[in-house]
Amino acid sequence: MTAKLRVAATLALVLLIALCLLWELWLAPLRPGGSFLALKALPLALPLAGIARGQRYTYQWSSLLVLAYLAEGATRAWSDAGLSQQLAVAEMALSAIFFTAAISYARLTRAVA
């Protein structure tokens, strides 16, 4: 079960990073030609190695990090229109998938006292 959660968390994180970059550089940037908002993908890259290796502590703190992306997705789904709104919904979905997988993995791998 933990192996499936690791795969789900890693895949959701990689897809979320790709979505952030594609969204802000090519698909629906705030400014034509891309924007510096693409840098929002950088914090997501920090836990990627630890998530892929199954480091429990990384799962714990990155589950809190991804909540900012869930909030951004909700805000932009409410305020944007068109493709940007659809991308915001995808950001919310990927953030929720990662959060659920990360919390479940951390719970299943905790030390039994």
PDB file of N, CA and C in Angstrom:
ATOM      1  N   MET A   1       0.819  -1.198   0.000  1.00  0.00           N
ATOM      2  CA  MET A   1       0.000   0.000   0.000  1.00  0.00           C
ATOM      3  C   MET A   1       0.868   1.268   0.000  1.00  0.00           C
ATOM      4  N   THR A   2       1.962   1.252   0.787  1.00  0.00           N
ATOM      5  CA  THR A   2       2.813   2.440   0.837  1.00  0.00           C
ATOM      6  C   THR A   2       3.500   2.692  -0.505  1.00  0.00           C
ATOM      7  N   ALA A   3       3.794   1.628  -1.238  1.00  0.00           N
ATOM      8  CA  ALA A   3       4.425   1.813  -2.556  1.00  0.00           C
ATOM      9  C   ALA A   3       3.473   2.536  -3.503  1.00  0.00           C
ATOM     10  N   LYS A   4       2.204   2.200  -3.454  1.00  0.00           N
ATOM     11  CA  LYS A   4       1.219   2.870  -4.309  1.00  0.00           C
ATOM     12  C   LYS A   4       1.062   4.336  -3.913  1.00  0.00           C
ATOM     13  N   LEU A   5       1.103   4.605  -2.616  1.00  0.00           N
ATOM     14  CA  LEU A   5       1.006   5.997  -2.155  1.00  0.00           C
ATOM     15  C   LEU A   5       2.222   6.806  -2.575  1.00  0.00           C
ATOM     16  N   ARG A   6       3.411   6.182  -2.526  1.00  0.00           N
ATOM     17  CA  ARG A   6       4.624   6.869  -2.989  1.00  0.00           C
ATOM     18  C   ARG A   6       4.528   7.219  -4.455  1.00  0.00           C
ATOM     19  N   VAL A   7       4.052   6.278  -5.261  1.00  0.00           N
ATOM     20  CA  VAL A   7       3.900   6.519  -6.702  1.00  0.00           C
ATOM     21  C   VAL A   7       2.876   7.627  -6.938  1.00  0.00           C
ATOM     22  N   ALA A   8       1.755   7.560  -6.233  1.00  0.00           N
ATOM     23  CA  ALA A   8       0.705   8.574  -6.404  1.00  0.00           C
ATOM     24  C   ALA A   8       1.211   9.960  -6.020  1.00  0.00           C
ATOM     25  N   ALA A   9       1.917  10.047  -4.892  1.00  0.00           N
ATOM     26  CA  ALA A   9       2.434  11.344  -4.442  1.00  0.00           C
ATOM     27  C   ALA A   9       3.492  11.876  -5.406  1.00  0.00           C
ATOM     28  N   THR A  10       4.396  11.011  -5.829  1.00  0.00           N
ATOM     29  CA  THR A  10       5.455  11.441  -6.751  1.00  0.00           C
ATOM     30  C   THR A  10       4.856  11.899  -8.080  1.00  0.00           C
ATOM     31  N   LEU A  11       3.930  11.126  -8.622  1.00  0.00           N
ATOM     32  CA  LEU A  11       3.307  11.473  -9.896  1.00  0.00           C
ATOM     33  C   LEU A  11       2.515  12.784  -9.782  1.00  0.00           C
ATOM     34  N   ALA A  12       1.749  12.928  -8.714  1.00  0.00           N
ATOM     35  CA  ALA A  12       0.972  14.162  -8.540  1.00  0.00           C
ATOM     36  C   ALA A  12       1.893  15.370  -8.417  1.00  0.00           C
ATOM     37  N   LEU A  13       3.013  15.211  -7.706  1.00  0.00           N
ATOM     38  CA  LEU A  13       3.952  16.319  -7.538  1.00  0.00           C
ATOM     39  C   LEU A  13       4.616  16.692  -8.861  1.00  0.00           C
ATOM     40  N   VAL A  14       5.041  15.705  -9.619  1.00  0.00           N
ATOM     41  CA  VAL A  14       5.666  15.974 -10.921  1.00  0.00           C
ATOM     42  C   VAL A  14       4.663  16.651 -11.862  1.00  0.00           C
ATOM     43  N   LEU A  15       3.446  16.161 -11.869  1.00  0.00           N
ATOM     44  CA  LEU A  15       2.414  16.769 -12.728  1.00  0.00           C
ATOM     45  C   LEU A  15       2.071  18.187 -12.273  1.00  0.00           C
ATOM     46  N   LEU A  16       2.082  18.427 -10.971  1.00  0.00           N
ATOM     47  CA  LEU A  16       1.809  19.768 -10.464  1.00  0.00           C
ATOM     48  C   LEU A  16       2.923  20.739 -10.857  1.00  0.00           C
ATOM     49  N   ILE A  17       4.160  20.288 -10.787  1.00  0.00           N
ATOM     50  CA  ILE A  17       5.286  21.125 -11.230  1.00  0.00           C
ATOM     51  C   ILE A  17       5.152  21.442 -12.721  1.00  0.00           C
ATOM     52  N   ALA A  18       4.871  20.415 -13.518  1.00  0.00           N
ATOM     53  CA  ALA A  18       4.707  20.613 -14.963  1.00  0.00           C
ATOM     54  C   ALA A  18       3.545  21.559 -15.260  1.00  0.00           C
ATOM     55  N   LEU A  19       2.444  21.387 -14.562  1.00  0.00           N
ATOM     56  CA  LEU A  19       1.285  22.253 -14.764  1.00  0.00           C
ATOM     57  C   LEU A  19       1.632  23.702 -14.459  1.00  0.00           C
ATOM     58  N   CYS A  20       2.308  23.938 -13.350  1.00  0.00           N
ATOM     59  CA  CYS A  20       2.678  25.319 -12.991  1.00  0.00           C
ATOM     60  C   CYS A  20       3.548  25.955 -14.067  1.00  0.00           C
ATOM     61  N   LEU A  21       4.519  25.209 -14.555  1.00  0.00           N
ATOM     62  CA  LEU A  21       5.405  25.752 -15.587  1.00  0.00           C
ATOM     63  C   LEU A  21       4.670  25.988 -16.903  1.00  0.00           C
ATOM     64  N   LEU A  22       3.915  25.002 -17.356  1.00  0.00           N
ATOM     65  CA  LEU A  22       3.175  25.150 -18.614  1.00  0.00           C
ATOM     66  C   LEU A  22       2.165  26.286 -18.535  1.00  0.00           C
ATOM     67  N   TRP A  23       1.469  26.364 -17.428  1.00  0.00           N
ATOM     68  CA  TRP A  23       0.433  27.380 -17.236  1.00  0.00           C
ATOM     69  C   TRP A  23       1.020  28.781 -17.345  1.00  0.00           C
ATOM     70  N   GLU A  24       2.089  29.040 -16.601  1.00  0.00           N
ATOM     71  CA  GLU A  24       2.612  30.401 -16.512  1.00  0.00           C
ATOM     72  C   GLU A  24       3.590  30.778 -17.621  1.00  0.00           C
ATOM     73  N   LEU A  25       4.073  29.801 -18.369  1.00  0.00           N
ATOM     74  CA  LEU A  25       5.001  30.117 -19.455  1.00  0.00           C
ATOM     75  C   LEU A  25       4.350  30.074 -20.838  1.00  0.00           C
ATOM     76  N   TRP A  26       3.401  29.137 -21.059  1.00  0.00           N
ATOM     77  CA  TRP A  26       2.862  28.974 -22.411  1.00  0.00           C
ATOM     78  C   TRP A  26       1.342  28.958 -22.515  1.00  0.00           C
ATOM     79  N   LEU A  27       0.672  28.235 -21.658  1.00  0.00           N
ATOM     80  CA  LEU A  27      -0.761  27.996 -21.858  1.00  0.00           C
ATOM     81  C   LEU A  27      -1.633  29.217 -21.587  1.00  0.00           C
ATOM     82  N   ALA A  28      -1.473  29.825 -20.415  1.00  0.00           N
ATOM     83  CA  ALA A  28      -2.299  30.990 -20.065  1.00  0.00           C
ATOM     84  C   ALA A  28      -1.541  31.906 -19.109  1.00  0.00           C
ATOM     85  N   PRO A  29      -0.402  32.440 -19.546  1.00  0.00           N
ATOM     86  CA  PRO A  29       0.385  33.305 -18.642  1.00  0.00           C
ATOM     87  C   PRO A  29      -0.337  34.616 -18.362  1.00  0.00           C
ATOM     88  N   LEU A  30       0.032  35.237 -17.260  1.00  0.00           N
ATOM     89  CA  LEU A  30      -0.559  36.531 -16.917  1.00  0.00           C
ATOM     90  C   LEU A  30      -0.172  37.601 -17.922  1.00  0.00           C
ATOM     91  N   ARG A  31       1.043  37.490 -18.472  1.00  0.00           N
ATOM     92  CA  ARG A  31       1.520  38.425 -19.489  1.00  0.00           C
ATOM     93  C   ARG A  31       1.923  37.636 -20.736  1.00  0.00           C
ATOM     94  N   PRO A  32       1.707  38.185 -21.906  1.00  0.00           N
ATOM     95  CA  PRO A  32       2.128  37.477 -23.123  1.00  0.00           C
ATOM     96  C   PRO A  32       3.619  37.155 -23.085  1.00  0.00           C
ATOM     97  N   GLY A  33       3.970  35.962 -23.477  1.00  0.00           N
ATOM     98  CA  GLY A  33       5.367  35.556 -23.485  1.00  0.00           C
ATOM     99  C   GLY A  33       5.814  34.910 -22.192  1.00  0.00           C
ATOM    100  N   GLY A  34       4.918  34.775 -21.229  1.00  0.00           N
ATOM    101  CA  GLY A  34       5.266  34.141 -19.965  1.00  0.00           C
ATOM    102  C   GLY A  34       5.440  35.153 -18.851  1.00  0.00           C
ATOM    103  N   SER A  35       5.417  34.664 -17.638  1.00  0.00           N
ATOM    104  CA  SER A  35       5.573  35.555 -16.488  1.00  0.00           C
ATOM    105  C   SER A  35       6.465  34.905 -15.443  1.00  0.00           C
ATOM    106  N   PHE A  36       6.941  35.740 -14.548  1.00  0.00           N
ATOM    107  CA  PHE A  36       7.792  35.248 -13.467  1.00  0.00           C
ATOM    108  C   PHE A  36       7.002  34.418 -12.464  1.00  0.00           C
ATOM    109  N   LEU A  37       5.692  34.376 -12.600  1.00  0.00           N
ATOM    110  CA  LEU A  37       4.879  33.546 -11.724  1.00  0.00           C
ATOM    111  C   LEU A  37       5.200  32.059 -11.921  1.00  0.00           C
ATOM    112  N   ALA A  38       5.893  31.734 -12.998  1.00  0.00           N
ATOM    113  CA  ALA A  38       6.337  30.352 -13.216  1.00  0.00           C
ATOM    114  C   ALA A  38       7.301  29.907 -12.123  1.00  0.00           C
ATOM    115  N   LEU A  39       7.909  30.859 -11.436  1.00  0.00           N
ATOM    116  CA  LEU A  39       8.818  30.520 -10.344  1.00  0.00           C
ATOM    117  C   LEU A  39       8.101  29.857  -9.175  1.00  0.00           C
ATOM    118  N   LYS A  40       6.768  29.879  -9.191  1.00  0.00           N
ATOM    119  CA  LYS A  40       6.020  29.211  -8.132  1.00  0.00           C
ATOM    120  C   LYS A  40       6.243  27.698  -8.156  1.00  0.00           C
ATOM    121  N   ALA A  41       6.798  27.183  -9.242  1.00  0.00           N
ATOM    122  CA  ALA A  41       7.092  25.750  -9.332  1.00  0.00           C
ATOM    123  C   ALA A  41       8.347  25.372  -8.540  1.00  0.00           C
ATOM    124  N   LEU A  42       9.203  26.335  -8.260  1.00  0.00           N
ATOM    125  CA  LEU A  42      10.456  26.038  -7.540  1.00  0.00           C
ATOM    126  C   LEU A  42      10.253  25.418  -6.162  1.00  0.00           C
ATOM    127  N   PRO A  43       9.389  25.956  -5.311  1.00  0.00           N
ATOM    128  CA  PRO A  43       9.205  25.316  -4.006  1.00  0.00           C
ATOM    129  C   PRO A  43       8.720  23.868  -4.106  1.00  0.00           C
ATOM    130  N   LEU A  44       7.991  23.554  -5.157  1.00  0.00           N
ATOM    131  CA  LEU A  44       7.513  22.182  -5.337  1.00  0.00           C
ATOM    132  C   LEU A  44       8.649  21.227  -5.696  1.00  0.00           C
ATOM    133  N   ALA A  45       9.711  21.761  -6.291  1.00  0.00           N
ATOM    134  CA  ALA A  45      10.842  20.912  -6.674  1.00  0.00           C
ATOM    135  C   ALA A  45      11.684  20.508  -5.463  1.00  0.00           C
ATOM    136  N   LEU A  46      11.638  21.294  -4.393  1.00  0.00           N
ATOM    137  CA  LEU A  46      12.444  21.002  -3.211  1.00  0.00           C
ATOM    138  C   LEU A  46      12.151  19.631  -2.595  1.00  0.00           C
ATOM    139  N   PRO A  47      10.896  19.242  -2.403  1.00  0.00           N
ATOM    140  CA  PRO A  47      10.648  17.941  -1.776  1.00  0.00           C
ATOM    141  C   PRO A  47      10.655  16.757  -2.741  1.00  0.00           C
ATOM    142  N   LEU A  48      10.847  16.991  -4.020  1.00  0.00           N
ATOM    143  CA  LEU A  48      10.684  15.925  -5.010  1.00  0.00           C
ATOM    144  C   LEU A  48      11.585  14.714  -4.743  1.00  0.00           C
ATOM    145  N   ALA A  49      12.844  14.918  -4.453  1.00  0.00           N
ATOM    146  CA  ALA A  49      13.756  13.790  -4.211  1.00  0.00           C
ATOM    147  C   ALA A  49      13.342  13.014  -2.969  1.00  0.00           C
ATOM    148  N   GLY A  50      12.997  13.708  -1.900  1.00  0.00           N
ATOM    149  CA  GLY A  50      12.575  13.033  -0.673  1.00  0.00           C
ATOM    150  C   GLY A  50      11.276  12.286  -0.836  1.00  0.00           C
ATOM    151  N   ILE A  51      10.377  12.828  -1.627  1.00  0.00           N
ATOM    152  CA  ILE A  51       9.109  12.142  -1.898  1.00  0.00           C
ATOM    153  C   ILE A  51       9.372  10.865  -2.685  1.00  0.00           C
ATOM    154  N   ALA A  52      10.198  10.954  -3.692  1.00  0.00           N
ATOM    155  CA  ALA A  52      10.504   9.778  -4.514  1.00  0.00           C
ATOM    156  C   ALA A  52      11.211   8.686  -3.705  1.00  0.00           C
ATOM    157  N   ARG A  53      12.027   9.091  -2.725  1.00  0.00           N
ATOM    158  CA  ARG A  53      12.744   8.116  -1.882  1.00  0.00           C
ATOM    159  C   ARG A  53      11.904   7.603  -0.724  1.00  0.00           C
ATOM    160  N   GLY A  54      10.760   8.219  -0.469  1.00  0.00           N
ATOM    161  CA  GLY A  54       9.896   7.763   0.609  1.00  0.00           C
ATOM    162  C   GLY A  54      10.287   8.258   1.989  1.00  0.00           C
ATOM    163  N   GLN A  55      10.908   9.422   2.074  1.00  0.00           N
ATOM    164  CA  GLN A  55      11.308   9.971   3.364  1.00  0.00           C
ATOM    165  C   GLN A  55      10.096  10.565   4.077  1.00  0.00           C
ATOM    166  N   ARG A  56       9.747   9.960   5.181  1.00  0.00           N
ATOM    167  CA  ARG A  56       8.523  10.320   5.904  1.00  0.00           C
ATOM    168  C   ARG A  56       8.472  11.800   6.279  1.00  0.00           C
ATOM    169  N   TYR A  57       9.566  12.352   6.768  1.00  0.00           N
ATOM    170  CA  TYR A  57       9.590  13.758   7.169  1.00  0.00           C
ATOM    171  C   TYR A  57       9.269  14.674   5.984  1.00  0.00           C
ATOM    172  N   THR A  58       9.765  14.333   4.813  1.00  0.00           N
ATOM    173  CA  THR A  58       9.480  15.137   3.622  1.00  0.00           C
ATOM    174  C   THR A  58       7.993  15.090   3.290  1.00  0.00           C
ATOM    175  N   TYR A  59       7.384  13.921   3.464  1.00  0.00           N
ATOM    176  CA  TYR A  59       5.938  13.805   3.247  1.00  0.00           C
ATOM    177  C   TYR A  59       5.177  14.697   4.220  1.00  0.00           C
ATOM    178  N   GLN A  60       5.647  14.773   5.449  1.00  0.00           N
ATOM    179  CA  GLN A  60       4.953  15.569   6.453  1.00  0.00           C
ATOM    180  C   GLN A  60       4.994  17.059   6.120  1.00  0.00           C
ATOM    181  N   TRP A  61       6.189  17.613   5.858  1.00  0.00           N
ATOM    182  CA  TRP A  61       6.243  19.057   5.642  1.00  0.00           C
ATOM    183  C   TRP A  61       5.732  19.462   4.263  1.00  0.00           C
ATOM    184  N   SER A  62       5.901  18.600   3.270  1.00  0.00           N
ATOM    185  CA  SER A  62       5.420  18.974   1.935  1.00  0.00           C
ATOM    186  C   SER A  62       3.891  18.930   1.851  1.00  0.00           C
ATOM    187  N   SER A  63       3.260  18.158   2.730  1.00  0.00           N
ATOM    188  CA  SER A  63       1.791  18.159   2.741  1.00  0.00           C
ATOM    189  C   SER A  63       1.271  19.529   3.173  1.00  0.00           C
ATOM    190  N   LEU A  64       2.035  20.234   3.987  1.00  0.00           N
ATOM    191  CA  LEU A  64       1.647  21.591   4.372  1.00  0.00           C
ATOM    192  C   LEU A  64       1.957  22.585   3.263  1.00  0.00           C
ATOM    193  N   LEU A  65       3.066  22.384   2.568  1.00  0.00           N
ATOM    194  CA  LEU A  65       3.448  23.266   1.461  1.00  0.00           C
ATOM    195  C   LEU A  65       2.396  23.264   0.360  1.00  0.00           C
ATOM    196  N   VAL A  66       1.892  22.098   0.033  1.00  0.00           N
ATOM    197  CA  VAL A  66       0.982  21.978  -1.111  1.00  0.00           C
ATOM    198  C   VAL A  66      -0.367  22.652  -0.846  1.00  0.00           C
ATOM    199  N   LEU A  67      -0.676  22.921   0.410  1.00  0.00           N
ATOM    200  CA  LEU A  67      -1.936  23.608   0.709  1.00  0.00           C
ATOM    201  C   LEU A  67      -1.960  25.024   0.134  1.00  0.00           C
ATOM    202  N   ALA A  68      -0.797  25.647  -0.006  1.00  0.00           N
ATOM    203  CA  ALA A  68      -0.735  26.970  -0.641  1.00  0.00           C
ATOM    204  C   ALA A  68      -1.156  26.885  -2.111  1.00  0.00           C
ATOM    205  N   TYR A  69      -0.807  25.792  -2.766  1.00  0.00           N
ATOM    206  CA  TYR A  69      -1.178  25.605  -4.175  1.00  0.00           C
ATOM    207  C   TYR A  69      -2.663  25.277  -4.299  1.00  0.00           C
ATOM    208  N   LEU A  70      -3.198  24.581  -3.335  1.00  0.00           N
ATOM    209  CA  LEU A  70      -4.631  24.328  -3.307  1.00  0.00           C
ATOM    210  C   LEU A  70      -5.390  25.647  -3.152  1.00  0.00           C
ATOM    211  N   ALA A  71      -4.893  26.509  -2.276  1.00  0.00           N
ATOM    212  CA  ALA A  71      -5.530  27.814  -2.065  1.00  0.00           C
ATOM    213  C   ALA A  71      -5.415  28.698  -3.315  1.00  0.00           C
ATOM    214  N   GLU A  72      -4.244  28.674  -3.953  1.00  0.00           N
ATOM    215  CA  GLU A  72      -4.087  29.462  -5.176  1.00  0.00           C
ATOM    216  C   GLU A  72      -5.022  28.963  -6.263  1.00  0.00           C
ATOM    217  N   GLY A  73      -5.127  27.652  -6.385  1.00  0.00           N
ATOM    218  CA  GLY A  73      -6.033  27.080  -7.376  1.00  0.00           C
ATOM    219  C   GLY A  73      -7.475  27.478  -7.121  1.00  0.00           C
ATOM    220  N   ALA A  74      -7.886  27.456  -5.863  1.00  0.00           N
ATOM    221  CA  ALA A  74      -9.263  27.846  -5.529  1.00  0.00           C
ATOM    222  C   ALA A  74      -9.504  29.319  -5.831  1.00  0.00           C
ATOM    223  N   THR A  75      -8.528  30.145  -5.505  1.00  0.00           N
ATOM    224  CA  THR A  75      -8.655  31.587  -5.759  1.00  0.00           C
ATOM    225  C   THR A  75      -8.754  31.868  -7.251  1.00  0.00           C
ATOM    226  N   ARG A  76      -7.884  31.247  -8.031  1.00  0.00           N
ATOM    227  CA  ARG A  76      -7.875  31.516  -9.474  1.00  0.00           C
ATOM    228  C   ARG A  76      -9.030  30.821 -10.192  1.00  0.00           C
ATOM    229  N   ALA A  77      -9.525  29.721  -9.663  1.00  0.00           N
ATOM    230  CA  ALA A  77     -10.716  29.097 -10.246  1.00  0.00           C
ATOM    231  C   ALA A  77     -11.928  30.003 -10.057  1.00  0.00           C
ATOM    232  N   TRP A  78     -11.931  30.736  -8.962  1.00  0.00           N
ATOM    233  CA  TRP A  78     -13.028  31.658  -8.679  1.00  0.00           C
ATOM    234  C   TRP A  78     -12.907  32.950  -9.485  1.00  0.00           C
ATOM    235  N   SER A  79     -11.678  33.439  -9.657  1.00  0.00           N
ATOM    236  CA  SER A  79     -11.501  34.768 -10.241  1.00  0.00           C
ATOM    237  C   SER A  79     -11.164  34.770 -11.729  1.00  0.00           C
ATOM    238  N   ASP A  80     -10.536  33.721 -12.223  1.00  0.00           N
ATOM    239  CA  ASP A  80     -10.138  33.683 -13.636  1.00  0.00           C
ATOM    240  C   ASP A  80     -11.265  33.126 -14.497  1.00  0.00           C
ATOM    241  N   ALA A  81     -11.050  33.184 -15.794  1.00  0.00           N
ATOM    242  CA  ALA A  81     -12.025  32.643 -16.734  1.00  0.00           C
ATOM    243  C   ALA A  81     -11.284  31.881 -17.823  1.00  0.00           C
ATOM    244  N   GLY A  82     -11.999  31.066 -18.557  1.00  0.00           N
ATOM    245  CA  GLY A  82     -11.433  30.358 -19.702  1.00  0.00           C
ATOM    246  C   GLY A  82     -10.435  29.285 -19.309  1.00  0.00           C
ATOM    247  N   LEU A  83      -9.365  29.202 -20.093  1.00  0.00           N
ATOM    248  CA  LEU A  83      -8.355  28.166 -19.885  1.00  0.00           C
ATOM    249  C   LEU A  83      -7.686  28.297 -18.522  1.00  0.00           C
ATOM    250  N   SER A  84      -7.437  29.516 -18.082  1.00  0.00           N
ATOM    251  CA  SER A  84      -6.799  29.722 -16.785  1.00  0.00           C
ATOM    252  C   SER A  84      -7.656  29.149 -15.656  1.00  0.00           C
ATOM    253  N   GLN A  85      -8.948  29.284 -15.765  1.00  0.00           N
ATOM    254  CA  GLN A  85      -9.852  28.725 -14.758  1.00  0.00           C
ATOM    255  C   GLN A  85      -9.792  27.193 -14.764  1.00  0.00           C
ATOM    256  N   GLN A  86      -9.724  26.591 -15.941  1.00  0.00           N
ATOM    257  CA  GLN A  86      -9.619  25.141 -16.045  1.00  0.00           C
ATOM    258  C   GLN A  86      -8.294  24.638 -15.485  1.00  0.00           C
ATOM    259  N   LEU A  87      -7.228  25.375 -15.725  1.00  0.00           N
ATOM    260  CA  LEU A  87      -5.923  25.010 -15.180  1.00  0.00           C
ATOM    261  C   LEU A  87      -5.912  25.137 -13.662  1.00  0.00           C
ATOM    262  N   ALA A  88      -6.626  26.116 -13.145  1.00  0.00           N
ATOM    263  CA  ALA A  88      -6.728  26.288 -11.693  1.00  0.00           C
ATOM    264  C   ALA A  88      -7.457  25.098 -11.060  1.00  0.00           C
ATOM    265  N   VAL A  89      -8.475  24.607 -11.721  1.00  0.00           N
ATOM    266  CA  VAL A  89      -9.189  23.419 -11.222  1.00  0.00           C
ATOM    267  C   VAL A  89      -8.261  22.208 -11.248  1.00  0.00           C
ATOM    268  N   ALA A  90      -7.460  22.085 -12.292  1.00  0.00           N
ATOM    269  CA  ALA A  90      -6.485  20.988 -12.364  1.00  0.00           C
ATOM    270  C   ALA A  90      -5.448  21.124 -11.247  1.00  0.00           C
ATOM    271  N   GLU A  91      -5.023  22.353 -10.956  1.00  0.00           N
ATOM    272  CA  GLU A  91      -4.080  22.584  -9.860  1.00  0.00           C
ATOM    273  C   GLU A  91      -4.698  22.161  -8.527  1.00  0.00           C
ATOM    274  N   MET A  92      -5.956  22.476  -8.333  1.00  0.00           N
ATOM    275  CA  MET A  92      -6.632  22.061  -7.109  1.00  0.00           C
ATOM    276  C   MET A  92      -6.695  20.545  -7.008  1.00  0.00           C
ATOM    277  N   ALA A  93      -7.023  19.886  -8.096  1.00  0.00           N
ATOM    278  CA  ALA A  93      -7.138  18.427  -8.088  1.00  0.00           C
ATOM    279  C   ALA A  93      -5.791  17.765  -7.790  1.00  0.00           C
ATOM    280  N   LEU A  94      -4.737  18.216  -8.467  1.00  0.00           N
ATOM    281  CA  LEU A  94      -3.409  17.630  -8.237  1.00  0.00           C
ATOM    282  C   LEU A  94      -2.917  17.905  -6.815  1.00  0.00           C
ATOM    283  N   SER A  95      -3.198  19.084  -6.305  1.00  0.00           N
ATOM    284  CA  SER A  95      -2.810  19.413  -4.930  1.00  0.00           C
ATOM    285  C   SER A  95      -3.543  18.522  -3.931  1.00  0.00           C
ATOM    286  N   ALA A  96      -4.825  18.307  -4.175  1.00  0.00           N
ATOM    287  CA  ALA A  96      -5.613  17.452  -3.275  1.00  0.00           C
ATOM    288  C   ALA A  96      -5.141  16.001  -3.336  1.00  0.00           C
ATOM    289  N   ILE A  97      -4.813  15.523  -4.520  1.00  0.00           N
ATOM    290  CA  ILE A  97      -4.297  14.153  -4.660  1.00  0.00           C
ATOM    291  C   ILE A  97      -2.977  14.014  -3.920  1.00  0.00           C
ATOM    292  N   PHE A  98      -2.072  14.978  -4.120  1.00  0.00           N
ATOM    293  CA  PHE A  98      -0.789  14.915  -3.425  1.00  0.00           C
ATOM    294  C   PHE A  98      -0.987  14.976  -1.916  1.00  0.00           C
ATOM    295  N   PHE A  99      -1.814  15.885  -1.450  1.00  0.00           N
ATOM    296  CA  PHE A  99      -2.052  16.035  -0.020  1.00  0.00           C
ATOM    297  C   PHE A  99      -2.576  14.732   0.582  1.00  0.00           C
ATOM    298  N   THR A 100      -3.557  14.136  -0.069  1.00  0.00           N
ATOM    299  CA  THR A 100      -4.138  12.892   0.427  1.00  0.00           C
ATOM    300  C   THR A 100      -3.116  11.764   0.455  1.00  0.00           C
ATOM    301  N   ALA A 101      -2.343  11.628  -0.608  1.00  0.00           N
ATOM    302  CA  ALA A 101      -1.323  10.571  -0.665  1.00  0.00           C
ATOM    303  C   ALA A 101      -0.229  10.818   0.376  1.00  0.00           C
ATOM    304  N   ALA A 102       0.184  12.061   0.545  1.00  0.00           N
ATOM    305  CA  ALA A 102       1.255  12.378   1.496  1.00  0.00           C
ATOM    306  C   ALA A 102       0.811  12.121   2.935  1.00  0.00           C
ATOM    307  N   ILE A 103      -0.376  12.556   3.282  1.00  0.00           N
ATOM    308  CA  ILE A 103      -0.883  12.345   4.634  1.00  0.00           C
ATOM    309  C   ILE A 103      -1.079  10.851   4.903  1.00  0.00           C
ATOM    310  N   SER A 104      -1.612  10.136   3.939  1.00  0.00           N
ATOM    311  CA  SER A 104      -1.829   8.695   4.104  1.00  0.00           C
ATOM    312  C   SER A 104      -0.504   7.961   4.261  1.00  0.00           C
ATOM    313  N   TYR A 105       0.488   8.335   3.461  1.00  0.00           N
ATOM    314  CA  TYR A 105       1.806   7.709   3.561  1.00  0.00           C
ATOM    315  C   TYR A 105       2.433   7.987   4.928  1.00  0.00           C
ATOM    316  N   ALA A 106       2.367   9.229   5.377  1.00  0.00           N
ATOM    317  CA  ALA A 106       2.945   9.581   6.678  1.00  0.00           C
ATOM    318  C   ALA A 106       2.251   8.822   7.805  1.00  0.00           C
ATOM    319  N   ARG A 107       0.955   8.660   7.694  1.00  0.00           N
ATOM    320  CA  ARG A 107       0.214   7.934   8.729  1.00  0.00           C
ATOM    321  C   ARG A 107       0.576   6.445   8.729  1.00  0.00           C
ATOM    322  N   LEU A 108       0.685   5.848   7.560  1.00  0.00           N
ATOM    323  CA  LEU A 108       0.979   4.420   7.472  1.00  0.00           C
ATOM    324  C   LEU A 108       2.425   4.075   7.855  1.00  0.00           C
ATOM    325  N   THR A 109       3.328   5.030   7.742  1.00  0.00           N
ATOM    326  CA  THR A 109       4.732   4.750   8.025  1.00  0.00           C
ATOM    327  C   THR A 109       5.168   5.257   9.401  1.00  0.00           C
ATOM    328  N   ARG A 110       4.243   5.721  10.209  1.00  0.00           N
ATOM    329  CA  ARG A 110       4.639   6.191  11.535  1.00  0.00           C
ATOM    330  C   ARG A 110       5.088   5.028  12.405  1.00  0.00           C
ATOM    331  N   ALA A 111       5.966   5.330  13.321  1.00  0.00           N
ATOM    332  CA  ALA A 111       6.497   4.314  14.229  1.00  0.00           C
ATOM    333  C   ALA A 111       5.410   3.909  15.221  1.00  0.00           C
ATOM    334  N   VAL A 112       5.282   2.628  15.421  1.00  0.00           N
ATOM    335  CA  VAL A 112       4.306   2.120  16.364  1.00  0.00           C
ATOM    336  C   VAL A 112       4.956   2.064  17.747  1.00  0.00           C
ATOM    337  N   ALA A 113       4.339   2.765  18.711  1.00  0.00           N
ATOM    338  CA  ALA A 113       4.934   2.821  20.057  1.00  0.00           C
ATOM    339  C   ALA A 113       4.584   1.594  20.881  1.00  0.00           C
TER     340      ALA A 113
END
